[in-house]
């Protein structure tokens, strides 16, 4: 499977998609218009190792809710990601049995190398 979870309104996601230029065998899912299902999140967690790896601590809501001063459990991370798309670190690229989470240069370079 080849899939990219992204946000179409995010300039960073747009830049990365242009840089990667995914072929037609990739499925693109705009997480704002098509919410992540619990099954999709479970699949991402299985590849990433934890919900926290998939969680964006840079999200505006993370700061607004003062979540950094709370002790979050794995279930909290899961519930927050399912509650609002902004909590998913993006983009998330799944290429066969590999997952690439976030927009770090090293992550994107590794994803490009495996395409």
N, C-alpha and C. Protein backbone atom coordinates (compact mmCIF):
# COMPACT_ATOMS: atom_id res chain seq x y z
N UNK A 1 0.84 -1.18 0.00
CA UNK A 1 0.00 0.00 0.00
C UNK A 1 0.89 1.25 0.00
N UNK A 2 0.44 2.24 -0.71
CA UNK A 2 1.12 3.53 -0.75
C UNK A 2 0.08 4.60 -0.47
N UNK A 3 0.25 5.29 0.66
CA UNK A 3 -0.76 6.27 1.07
C UNK A 3 -0.08 7.46 1.72
N UNK A 4 -0.68 8.63 1.50
CA UNK A 4 -0.19 9.85 2.13
C UNK A 4 -1.36 10.54 2.82
N UNK A 5 -1.21 10.72 4.12
CA UNK A 5 -2.17 11.50 4.91
C UNK A 5 -1.60 12.91 4.99
N UNK A 6 -2.38 13.88 4.54
CA UNK A 6 -1.88 15.25 4.49
C UNK A 6 -3.02 16.23 4.76
N UNK A 7 -2.68 17.49 4.78
CA UNK A 7 -3.65 18.57 4.95
C UNK A 7 -3.50 19.48 3.74
N UNK A 8 -4.55 19.58 2.93
CA UNK A 8 -4.45 20.33 1.68
C UNK A 8 -4.27 21.83 1.90
N UNK A 9 -4.60 22.32 3.08
CA UNK A 9 -4.44 23.75 3.37
C UNK A 9 -3.08 24.07 3.99
N UNK A 10 -2.26 23.08 4.20
CA UNK A 10 -0.95 23.25 4.84
C UNK A 10 0.12 23.49 3.78
N UNK A 11 0.78 24.63 3.85
CA UNK A 11 1.82 24.95 2.87
C UNK A 11 2.97 23.96 2.91
N UNK A 12 3.32 23.49 4.10
CA UNK A 12 4.41 22.52 4.21
C UNK A 12 4.03 21.21 3.53
N UNK A 13 2.80 20.75 3.74
CA UNK A 13 2.33 19.52 3.08
C UNK A 13 2.34 19.69 1.56
N UNK A 14 1.88 20.86 1.10
CA UNK A 14 1.86 21.13 -0.35
C UNK A 14 3.28 21.07 -0.92
N UNK A 15 4.23 21.71 -0.22
CA UNK A 15 5.62 21.73 -0.67
C UNK A 15 6.18 20.31 -0.74
N UNK A 16 5.91 19.52 0.29
CA UNK A 16 6.43 18.15 0.33
C UNK A 16 5.80 17.29 -0.76
N UNK A 17 4.51 17.45 -0.99
CA UNK A 17 3.85 16.68 -2.05
C UNK A 17 4.44 17.04 -3.41
N UNK A 18 4.72 18.33 -3.62
CA UNK A 18 5.35 18.74 -4.88
C UNK A 18 6.75 18.16 -5.01
N UNK A 19 7.47 18.13 -3.90
CA UNK A 19 8.83 17.61 -3.88
C UNK A 19 8.85 16.10 -4.14
N UNK A 20 7.93 15.40 -3.52
CA UNK A 20 7.87 13.95 -3.66
C UNK A 20 7.26 13.56 -5.01
N UNK A 21 6.26 14.35 -5.43
CA UNK A 21 5.55 14.09 -6.67
C UNK A 21 5.08 12.64 -6.74
N UNK A 22 4.16 12.27 -5.83
CA UNK A 22 3.73 10.86 -5.76
C UNK A 22 3.05 10.40 -7.05
N UNK A 23 3.35 9.18 -7.43
CA UNK A 23 2.76 8.61 -8.63
C UNK A 23 1.30 8.26 -8.39
N UNK A 24 0.64 7.85 -9.45
CA UNK A 24 -0.80 7.55 -9.37
C UNK A 24 -1.11 6.34 -8.51
N UNK A 25 -0.11 5.54 -8.15
CA UNK A 25 -0.38 4.39 -7.29
C UNK A 25 -0.43 4.77 -5.81
N UNK A 26 -0.27 6.06 -5.51
CA UNK A 26 -0.44 6.56 -4.15
C UNK A 26 -1.88 7.00 -3.94
N UNK A 27 -2.40 6.73 -2.76
CA UNK A 27 -3.70 7.25 -2.36
C UNK A 27 -3.44 8.44 -1.45
N UNK A 28 -4.05 9.57 -1.78
CA UNK A 28 -3.91 10.77 -0.96
C UNK A 28 -5.18 10.96 -0.14
N UNK A 29 -5.01 11.23 1.14
CA UNK A 29 -6.16 11.48 2.01
C UNK A 29 -5.96 12.81 2.72
N UNK A 30 -6.83 13.76 2.38
CA UNK A 30 -6.83 15.06 3.05
C UNK A 30 -7.55 14.86 4.38
N UNK A 31 -6.80 14.91 5.47
CA UNK A 31 -7.36 14.55 6.78
C UNK A 31 -8.38 15.56 7.31
N UNK A 32 -8.45 16.73 6.70
CA UNK A 32 -9.46 17.70 7.12
C UNK A 32 -10.82 17.35 6.50
N UNK A 33 -10.80 16.87 5.26
CA UNK A 33 -12.03 16.53 4.55
C UNK A 33 -12.46 15.09 4.75
N UNK A 34 -11.52 14.23 5.05
CA UNK A 34 -11.81 12.81 5.26
C UNK A 34 -11.10 12.37 6.54
N UNK A 35 -11.85 12.33 7.61
CA UNK A 35 -11.27 12.06 8.94
C UNK A 35 -10.58 10.70 8.98
N UNK A 36 -9.58 10.63 9.81
CA UNK A 36 -8.86 9.38 10.03
C UNK A 36 -9.76 8.44 10.81
N UNK A 37 -9.85 7.21 10.38
CA UNK A 37 -10.66 6.22 11.08
C UNK A 37 -9.81 5.57 12.17
N UNK A 38 -10.47 4.99 13.18
CA UNK A 38 -9.71 4.25 14.20
C UNK A 38 -8.85 3.14 13.58
N UNK A 39 -9.35 2.50 12.54
CA UNK A 39 -8.60 1.42 11.89
C UNK A 39 -7.34 1.97 11.22
N UNK A 40 -7.46 3.13 10.56
CA UNK A 40 -6.30 3.73 9.92
C UNK A 40 -5.26 4.14 10.96
N UNK A 41 -5.73 4.68 12.07
CA UNK A 41 -4.82 5.09 13.14
C UNK A 41 -4.11 3.88 13.74
N UNK A 42 -4.83 2.77 13.90
CA UNK A 42 -4.21 1.54 14.41
C UNK A 42 -3.12 1.04 13.47
N UNK A 43 -3.39 1.13 12.17
CA UNK A 43 -2.41 0.70 11.18
C UNK A 43 -1.16 1.60 11.27
N UNK A 44 -1.37 2.91 11.39
CA UNK A 44 -0.24 3.84 11.52
C UNK A 44 0.56 3.55 12.79
N UNK A 45 -0.15 3.30 13.89
CA UNK A 45 0.52 3.02 15.17
C UNK A 45 1.34 1.75 15.08
N UNK A 46 0.80 0.73 14.42
CA UNK A 46 1.52 -0.53 14.28
C UNK A 46 2.85 -0.32 13.55
N UNK A 47 2.86 0.58 12.56
CA UNK A 47 4.08 0.84 11.81
C UNK A 47 5.02 1.81 12.55
N UNK A 48 4.43 2.79 13.24
CA UNK A 48 5.22 3.83 13.90
C UNK A 48 5.71 3.41 15.29
N UNK A 49 4.98 2.50 15.92
CA UNK A 49 5.39 2.04 17.24
C UNK A 49 4.61 2.64 18.40
N UNK A 50 4.10 3.85 18.22
CA UNK A 50 3.32 4.47 19.30
C UNK A 50 2.44 5.58 18.75
N UNK A 51 1.42 5.92 19.53
CA UNK A 51 0.57 7.05 19.16
C UNK A 51 1.33 8.36 19.32
N UNK A 52 2.21 8.41 20.30
CA UNK A 52 2.96 9.64 20.56
C UNK A 52 3.84 10.02 19.37
N UNK A 53 4.37 9.03 18.67
CA UNK A 53 5.18 9.28 17.47
C UNK A 53 4.35 9.99 16.41
N UNK A 54 3.06 9.70 16.36
CA UNK A 54 2.16 10.28 15.37
C UNK A 54 1.56 11.61 15.81
N UNK A 55 1.82 11.99 17.03
CA UNK A 55 1.17 13.15 17.64
C UNK A 55 1.99 14.42 17.43
N UNK A 56 1.30 15.48 17.03
CA UNK A 56 1.97 16.77 16.82
C UNK A 56 1.86 17.64 18.07
N UNK A 57 3.01 17.89 18.66
CA UNK A 57 3.04 18.76 19.84
C UNK A 57 3.18 20.22 19.41
N UNK A 58 3.17 20.46 18.11
CA UNK A 58 3.24 21.82 17.60
C UNK A 58 1.86 22.36 17.24
N UNK A 59 0.84 21.52 17.40
CA UNK A 59 -0.52 21.93 17.06
C UNK A 59 -0.99 23.07 17.95
N UNK A 60 -1.73 23.97 17.36
CA UNK A 60 -2.27 25.12 18.09
C UNK A 60 -3.12 24.67 19.28
N UNK A 61 -3.94 23.65 19.07
CA UNK A 61 -4.80 23.15 20.15
C UNK A 61 -3.99 22.55 21.30
N UNK A 62 -2.82 22.02 21.00
CA UNK A 62 -1.95 21.46 22.04
C UNK A 62 -1.56 22.57 23.02
N UNK A 63 -1.24 23.72 22.47
CA UNK A 63 -0.87 24.86 23.31
C UNK A 63 -2.09 25.45 24.01
N UNK A 64 -3.19 25.60 23.26
CA UNK A 64 -4.40 26.19 23.82
C UNK A 64 -4.95 25.39 25.00
N UNK A 65 -4.87 24.08 24.90
CA UNK A 65 -5.39 23.21 25.96
C UNK A 65 -4.36 22.94 27.06
N UNK A 66 -3.20 23.53 26.92
CA UNK A 66 -2.11 23.37 27.89
C UNK A 66 -1.80 21.89 28.13
N UNK A 67 -1.75 21.13 27.06
CA UNK A 67 -1.53 19.69 27.17
C UNK A 67 -0.10 19.34 27.57
N UNK A 68 0.85 20.26 27.34
CA UNK A 68 2.23 19.95 27.69
C UNK A 68 2.42 19.83 29.20
N UNK A 69 1.51 20.41 29.96
CA UNK A 69 1.59 20.33 31.42
C UNK A 69 0.73 19.21 31.99
N UNK A 70 0.26 18.33 31.11
CA UNK A 70 -0.53 17.18 31.55
C UNK A 70 0.23 15.91 31.22
N UNK A 71 -0.01 14.89 31.99
CA UNK A 71 0.60 13.60 31.72
C UNK A 71 -0.33 12.82 30.81
N UNK A 72 0.03 12.72 29.53
CA UNK A 72 -0.83 12.06 28.55
C UNK A 72 -0.46 10.58 28.43
N UNK A 73 -1.49 9.75 28.38
CA UNK A 73 -1.31 8.31 28.21
C UNK A 73 -1.38 7.98 26.72
N UNK A 74 -0.96 6.79 26.33
CA UNK A 74 -1.12 6.39 24.93
C UNK A 74 -2.56 6.53 24.44
N UNK A 75 -3.52 6.20 25.31
CA UNK A 75 -4.93 6.35 24.92
C UNK A 75 -5.31 7.81 24.73
N UNK A 76 -4.73 8.70 25.54
CA UNK A 76 -4.99 10.13 25.36
C UNK A 76 -4.52 10.59 23.99
N UNK A 77 -3.31 10.18 23.60
CA UNK A 77 -2.79 10.55 22.28
C UNK A 77 -3.71 10.03 21.18
N UNK A 78 -4.13 8.79 21.32
CA UNK A 78 -5.02 8.17 20.34
C UNK A 78 -6.32 8.96 20.23
N UNK A 79 -6.96 9.22 21.37
CA UNK A 79 -8.24 9.93 21.37
C UNK A 79 -8.12 11.34 20.81
N UNK A 80 -7.03 12.03 21.13
CA UNK A 80 -6.84 13.39 20.62
C UNK A 80 -6.65 13.40 19.11
N UNK A 81 -5.88 12.46 18.59
CA UNK A 81 -5.69 12.38 17.13
C UNK A 81 -7.01 12.10 16.44
N UNK A 82 -7.82 11.21 17.01
CA UNK A 82 -9.12 10.89 16.40
C UNK A 82 -10.11 12.05 16.57
N UNK A 83 -9.95 12.82 17.63
CA UNK A 83 -10.86 13.94 17.89
C UNK A 83 -10.67 15.08 16.90
N UNK A 84 -9.40 15.42 16.60
CA UNK A 84 -9.15 16.56 15.73
C UNK A 84 -7.92 16.31 14.86
N UNK A 85 -8.06 16.53 13.57
CA UNK A 85 -7.00 16.25 12.61
C UNK A 85 -5.70 17.00 12.89
N UNK A 86 -5.78 18.12 13.54
CA UNK A 86 -4.59 18.93 13.77
C UNK A 86 -3.57 18.24 14.69
N UNK A 87 -4.02 17.23 15.43
CA UNK A 87 -3.10 16.53 16.33
C UNK A 87 -2.24 15.47 15.63
N UNK A 88 -2.54 15.19 14.37
CA UNK A 88 -1.71 14.23 13.64
C UNK A 88 -0.50 14.96 13.06
N UNK A 89 0.68 14.46 13.38
CA UNK A 89 1.91 15.02 12.80
C UNK A 89 1.87 14.69 11.31
N UNK A 90 2.10 15.67 10.48
CA UNK A 90 1.92 15.43 9.05
C UNK A 90 3.05 16.02 8.23
N UNK A 91 3.16 15.51 7.02
CA UNK A 91 2.38 14.42 6.44
C UNK A 91 2.82 13.06 7.00
N UNK A 92 1.95 12.09 6.79
CA UNK A 92 2.28 10.70 7.12
C UNK A 92 2.29 9.94 5.79
N UNK A 93 3.43 9.36 5.48
CA UNK A 93 3.56 8.58 4.25
C UNK A 93 3.72 7.12 4.63
N UNK A 94 2.88 6.29 4.03
CA UNK A 94 3.00 4.84 4.21
C UNK A 94 3.39 4.27 2.85
N UNK A 95 4.54 3.62 2.82
CA UNK A 95 5.03 3.01 1.59
C UNK A 95 5.29 1.55 1.92
N UNK A 96 4.36 0.72 1.48
CA UNK A 96 4.38 -0.72 1.79
C UNK A 96 4.38 -0.91 3.31
N UNK A 97 5.49 -1.39 3.88
CA UNK A 97 5.51 -1.65 5.32
C UNK A 97 6.35 -0.62 6.08
N UNK A 98 6.59 0.53 5.45
CA UNK A 98 7.35 1.60 6.09
C UNK A 98 6.46 2.81 6.31
N UNK A 99 6.75 3.55 7.38
CA UNK A 99 5.99 4.76 7.66
C UNK A 99 6.98 5.91 7.88
N UNK A 100 6.61 7.07 7.35
CA UNK A 100 7.40 8.28 7.49
C UNK A 100 6.48 9.35 8.05
N UNK A 101 6.81 9.86 9.23
CA UNK A 101 5.92 10.77 9.94
C UNK A 101 6.58 12.13 10.11
N UNK A 102 5.88 13.16 9.67
CA UNK A 102 6.36 14.52 9.88
C UNK A 102 7.10 15.10 8.69
N UNK A 103 7.57 16.33 8.89
CA UNK A 103 8.15 17.06 7.78
C UNK A 103 9.64 17.34 7.94
N UNK A 104 10.30 16.62 8.83
CA UNK A 104 11.75 16.80 9.00
C UNK A 104 12.45 16.44 7.69
N UNK A 105 13.46 17.20 7.35
CA UNK A 105 14.18 16.99 6.09
C UNK A 105 14.67 15.55 5.96
N UNK A 106 15.22 15.00 7.05
CA UNK A 106 15.73 13.63 7.05
C UNK A 106 14.61 12.62 6.76
N UNK A 107 13.44 12.86 7.33
CA UNK A 107 12.28 11.99 7.13
C UNK A 107 11.84 12.00 5.66
N UNK A 108 11.75 13.20 5.09
CA UNK A 108 11.29 13.34 3.71
C UNK A 108 12.32 12.74 2.74
N UNK A 109 13.61 12.93 3.02
CA UNK A 109 14.64 12.34 2.18
C UNK A 109 14.55 10.82 2.21
N UNK A 110 14.32 10.25 3.39
CA UNK A 110 14.19 8.79 3.51
C UNK A 110 12.96 8.30 2.76
N UNK A 111 11.87 9.05 2.83
CA UNK A 111 10.65 8.67 2.10
C UNK A 111 10.89 8.70 0.61
N UNK A 112 11.54 9.75 0.14
CA UNK A 112 11.83 9.87 -1.30
C UNK A 112 12.71 8.72 -1.77
N UNK A 113 13.66 8.32 -0.94
CA UNK A 113 14.56 7.23 -1.31
C UNK A 113 13.83 5.89 -1.42
N UNK A 114 12.74 5.75 -0.70
CA UNK A 114 12.04 4.45 -0.71
C UNK A 114 10.90 4.40 -1.73
N UNK A 115 10.67 5.50 -2.41
CA UNK A 115 9.59 5.52 -3.44
C UNK A 115 10.09 4.87 -4.72
